[in-house]
N, C-alpha and C. Protein backbone atom coordinates (compact mmCIF):
# COMPACT_ATOMS: atom_id res chain seq x y z
N UNK A 1 -17.75 3.41 -14.35
CA UNK A 1 -17.65 2.29 -14.31
C UNK A 1 -19.02 1.23 -14.65
N UNK A 2 -18.96 -0.02 -15.11
CA UNK A 2 -19.88 -0.87 -15.38
C UNK A 2 -20.64 -1.54 -14.63
N UNK A 3 -21.91 -2.01 -14.62
CA UNK A 3 -23.01 -2.61 -13.58
C UNK A 3 -21.70 -3.46 -12.84
N UNK A 4 -21.31 -4.07 -13.12
CA UNK A 4 -21.16 -5.48 -12.77
C UNK A 4 -19.20 -5.30 -11.25
N UNK A 5 -18.87 -3.83 -11.88
CA UNK A 5 -18.05 -3.29 -10.88
C UNK A 5 -18.91 -2.46 -10.38
N UNK A 6 -19.94 -1.52 -10.29
CA UNK A 6 -20.63 -1.47 -9.74
C UNK A 6 -20.35 -2.14 -8.14
N UNK A 7 -21.34 -3.90 -8.75
CA UNK A 7 -22.39 -4.78 -7.83
C UNK A 7 -20.66 -5.25 -7.29
N UNK A 8 -19.88 -5.51 -7.49
CA UNK A 8 -18.43 -5.44 -6.47
C UNK A 8 -18.32 -4.69 -5.41
N UNK A 9 -17.90 -3.52 -5.92
CA UNK A 9 -17.90 -2.20 -5.19
C UNK A 9 -18.65 -2.92 -4.06
N UNK A 10 -19.97 -2.69 -4.58
CA UNK A 10 -20.94 -2.36 -3.51
C UNK A 10 -20.73 -3.75 -3.01
N UNK A 11 -20.53 -4.49 -3.12
CA UNK A 11 -20.33 -5.74 -2.59
C UNK A 11 -19.70 -6.03 -1.26
N UNK A 12 -17.90 -5.48 -1.73
CA UNK A 12 -16.91 -5.41 -1.19
C UNK A 12 -17.00 -4.46 0.49
N UNK A 13 -17.82 -3.20 -0.17
CA UNK A 13 -18.21 -2.36 0.71
C UNK A 13 -19.19 -2.68 2.15
N UNK A 14 -20.05 -3.81 1.70
CA UNK A 14 -19.85 -4.87 2.99
C UNK A 14 -19.47 -5.43 3.65
N UNK A 15 -18.47 -5.76 3.46
CA UNK A 15 -16.89 -6.47 4.13
C UNK A 15 -16.55 -5.85 5.45
N UNK A 16 -16.43 -7.17 6.09
CA UNK A 16 -15.44 -5.57 7.34
C UNK A 16 -13.74 -4.42 6.47
N UNK A 17 -13.51 -4.37 7.93
CA UNK A 17 -12.13 -3.73 6.72
C UNK A 17 -11.11 -4.34 6.88
N UNK A 18 -10.80 -5.57 7.89
CA UNK A 18 -9.69 -6.28 7.42
C UNK A 18 -10.30 -7.07 6.70
N UNK A 19 -11.55 -8.02 6.30
CA UNK A 19 -11.86 -8.52 5.34
C UNK A 19 -11.92 -7.75 3.66
N UNK A 20 -11.93 -6.54 3.69
CA UNK A 20 -11.32 -5.55 2.34
C UNK A 20 -9.83 -5.46 2.24
N UNK A 21 -9.50 -5.43 3.53
CA UNK A 21 -7.51 -5.22 3.14
C UNK A 21 -7.28 -7.02 2.89
N UNK A 22 -8.07 -7.84 3.47
CA UNK A 22 -7.60 -8.95 2.50
C UNK A 22 -7.53 -9.32 1.38
N UNK A 23 -8.79 -8.91 0.75
CA UNK A 23 -9.02 -8.75 -0.54
C UNK A 23 -8.23 -8.07 -1.59
N UNK A 24 -8.23 -6.98 -1.62
CA UNK A 24 -6.72 -5.85 -1.58
C UNK A 24 -6.11 -6.46 -1.90
N UNK A 25 -5.14 -7.18 -1.32
CA UNK A 25 -4.50 -8.42 -1.06
C UNK A 25 -4.34 -9.16 -2.13
N UNK A 26 -5.00 -9.92 -1.87
CA UNK A 26 -5.46 -10.60 -2.64
C UNK A 26 -5.26 -10.76 -4.40
N UNK A 27 -6.28 -9.51 -4.36
CA UNK A 27 -6.30 -8.72 -5.77
C UNK A 27 -4.84 -8.23 -6.65
N UNK A 28 -4.05 -7.79 -5.62
CA UNK A 28 -2.75 -6.98 -5.74
C UNK A 28 -1.45 -8.44 -6.23
N UNK A 29 -1.99 -9.35 -5.32
CA UNK A 29 -1.17 -10.30 -5.60
C UNK A 29 -1.38 -11.41 -6.67
N UNK A 30 -2.60 -11.61 -7.12
CA UNK A 30 -2.84 -12.03 -9.28
C UNK A 30 -2.45 -11.07 -9.82
N UNK A 31 -2.52 -9.37 -9.86
CA UNK A 31 -1.99 -8.73 -10.67
C UNK A 31 -0.58 -9.07 -10.75
N UNK A 32 0.45 -9.40 -9.53
CA UNK A 32 1.18 -8.79 -9.66
C UNK A 32 2.16 -10.27 -10.08
N UNK A 33 0.87 -11.70 -9.93
CA UNK A 33 1.18 -13.05 -10.73
C UNK A 33 0.97 -13.00 -12.50
N UNK A 34 0.43 -12.05 -12.89
CA UNK A 34 -0.10 -12.51 -14.58
C UNK A 34 0.95 -11.28 -14.80
N UNK A 35 2.00 -10.53 -14.21
CA UNK A 35 2.87 -8.70 -14.47
C UNK A 35 3.98 -9.50 -13.89
N UNK A 36 4.58 -10.54 -14.16
CA UNK A 36 5.51 -11.27 -12.70
C UNK A 36 6.90 -9.83 -13.52
N UNK A 37 7.07 -9.20 -15.01
CA UNK A 37 8.29 -8.50 -14.79
C UNK A 37 7.85 -7.25 -15.72
N UNK A 38 6.99 -6.31 -14.95
CA UNK A 38 6.83 -5.38 -15.93
C UNK A 38 7.86 -4.11 -15.33
N UNK A 39 8.36 -3.62 -16.30
CA UNK A 39 9.45 -2.20 -16.29
C UNK A 39 9.02 -0.90 -15.38
N UNK A 40 9.61 -0.71 -14.47
CA UNK A 40 9.24 1.16 -14.23
C UNK A 40 10.02 1.66 -14.96
N UNK A 41 9.97 3.17 -14.99
CA UNK A 41 11.25 3.85 -15.76
C UNK A 41 11.84 4.56 -14.57
N UNK A 42 12.53 4.84 -15.43
CA UNK A 42 13.40 5.41 -14.76
C UNK A 42 13.38 6.06 -13.47
N UNK A 43 12.31 7.55 -13.32
CA UNK A 43 12.09 8.42 -13.20
C UNK A 43 11.82 7.43 -11.69
N UNK A 44 10.69 6.65 -12.00
CA UNK A 44 9.70 5.28 -11.11
C UNK A 44 10.91 4.94 -10.21
N UNK A 45 11.70 4.03 -10.76
CA UNK A 45 13.23 3.89 -9.71
C UNK A 45 13.86 4.65 -9.03
N UNK A 46 14.52 5.97 -9.55
CA UNK A 46 14.43 7.36 -8.69
C UNK A 46 13.68 7.54 -7.76
N UNK A 47 12.81 7.98 -7.75
CA UNK A 47 11.37 8.24 -6.97
C UNK A 47 11.67 7.37 -5.63
N UNK A 48 11.35 5.82 -6.09
CA UNK A 48 11.17 4.76 -4.78
C UNK A 48 12.37 4.89 -3.82
N UNK A 49 13.84 4.94 -4.80
CA UNK A 49 15.40 4.97 -4.29
C UNK A 49 14.57 5.75 -2.78
N UNK A 50 14.76 7.75 -3.45
CA UNK A 50 14.41 8.46 -2.94
C UNK A 50 13.50 8.21 -2.26
N UNK A 51 12.48 7.79 -2.20
CA UNK A 51 11.54 7.00 -0.81
C UNK A 51 12.26 6.84 0.00
N UNK A 52 13.01 5.16 -0.31
CA UNK A 52 13.87 4.94 0.32
C UNK A 52 14.92 4.82 0.98
N UNK A 53 15.52 6.20 0.79
CA UNK A 53 16.53 6.42 1.61
C UNK A 53 15.81 7.55 2.50
N UNK A 54 14.57 8.40 1.79
CA UNK A 54 13.84 8.97 3.43
C UNK A 54 13.02 8.46 4.66
N UNK A 55 13.05 7.05 4.48
CA UNK A 55 13.02 6.58 5.49
C UNK A 55 13.77 6.11 6.21
N UNK A 56 14.60 5.52 5.58
CA UNK A 56 15.63 4.80 6.49
C UNK A 56 16.20 5.82 6.94
N UNK A 57 16.42 7.01 6.74
CA UNK A 57 16.89 8.30 7.25
C UNK A 57 16.52 9.46 8.57
N UNK A 58 14.47 9.33 8.33
CA UNK A 58 14.10 9.71 9.30
C UNK A 58 13.02 8.87 9.79
N UNK A 59 12.75 9.31 11.64
CA UNK A 59 12.64 8.44 11.99
C UNK A 59 10.94 8.84 12.42
N UNK A 60 9.95 7.34 12.31
CA UNK A 60 8.22 7.65 12.21
C UNK A 60 7.98 8.38 13.30
N UNK A 61 6.39 8.83 12.35
CA UNK A 61 5.95 9.82 13.83
C UNK A 61 5.33 8.67 15.28
N UNK A 62 5.60 7.07 14.91
CA UNK A 62 5.01 6.25 16.05
C UNK A 62 6.78 5.86 17.01
N UNK A 63 7.52 6.42 16.42
CA UNK A 63 9.21 6.21 16.94
C UNK A 63 9.39 7.82 17.26
N UNK A 64 8.58 8.67 17.17
CA UNK A 64 8.78 9.70 17.34
C UNK A 64 7.99 10.37 18.28
N UNK A 65 7.06 9.59 18.43
CA UNK A 65 6.12 9.41 19.81
C UNK A 65 7.17 9.04 20.98
N UNK A 66 7.48 7.69 20.58
CA UNK A 66 7.69 6.99 21.74
C UNK A 66 8.87 7.17 22.51
N UNK A 67 9.49 8.01 21.55
CA UNK A 67 10.74 8.85 22.16
C UNK A 67 9.93 9.87 23.32
N UNK A 68 9.17 11.19 22.06
CA UNK A 68 9.08 11.95 23.50
C UNK A 68 8.28 11.07 24.41
N UNK A 69 7.78 10.50 24.95
CA UNK A 69 6.96 9.83 26.24
C UNK A 69 8.36 9.41 27.07
N UNK A 70 9.24 8.96 25.98
CA UNK A 70 10.23 7.81 27.21
C UNK A 70 10.93 9.70 27.82
N UNK A 71 11.34 10.26 26.58
CA UNK A 71 12.15 11.39 27.57
C UNK A 71 11.56 12.02 28.22
N UNK A 72 10.22 12.40 29.22
CA UNK A 72 9.38 12.86 29.64
C UNK A 72 9.45 12.65 30.61
């Protein structure tokens, strides 16, 4: 890590968690704007589709907890 990267990291650590999350979102958005047309490999596309299907077919932990409390 360069000295500049270390300094930026230390400055970011001083931010509150919500501010750090906003910073990461802004950084990610700027990367996406610069790389509007990045290409996923077939393996990456397959993995994303697999994960989406998994999420669609199974309830999350929060939903399971709510159902458990309602059925008690």
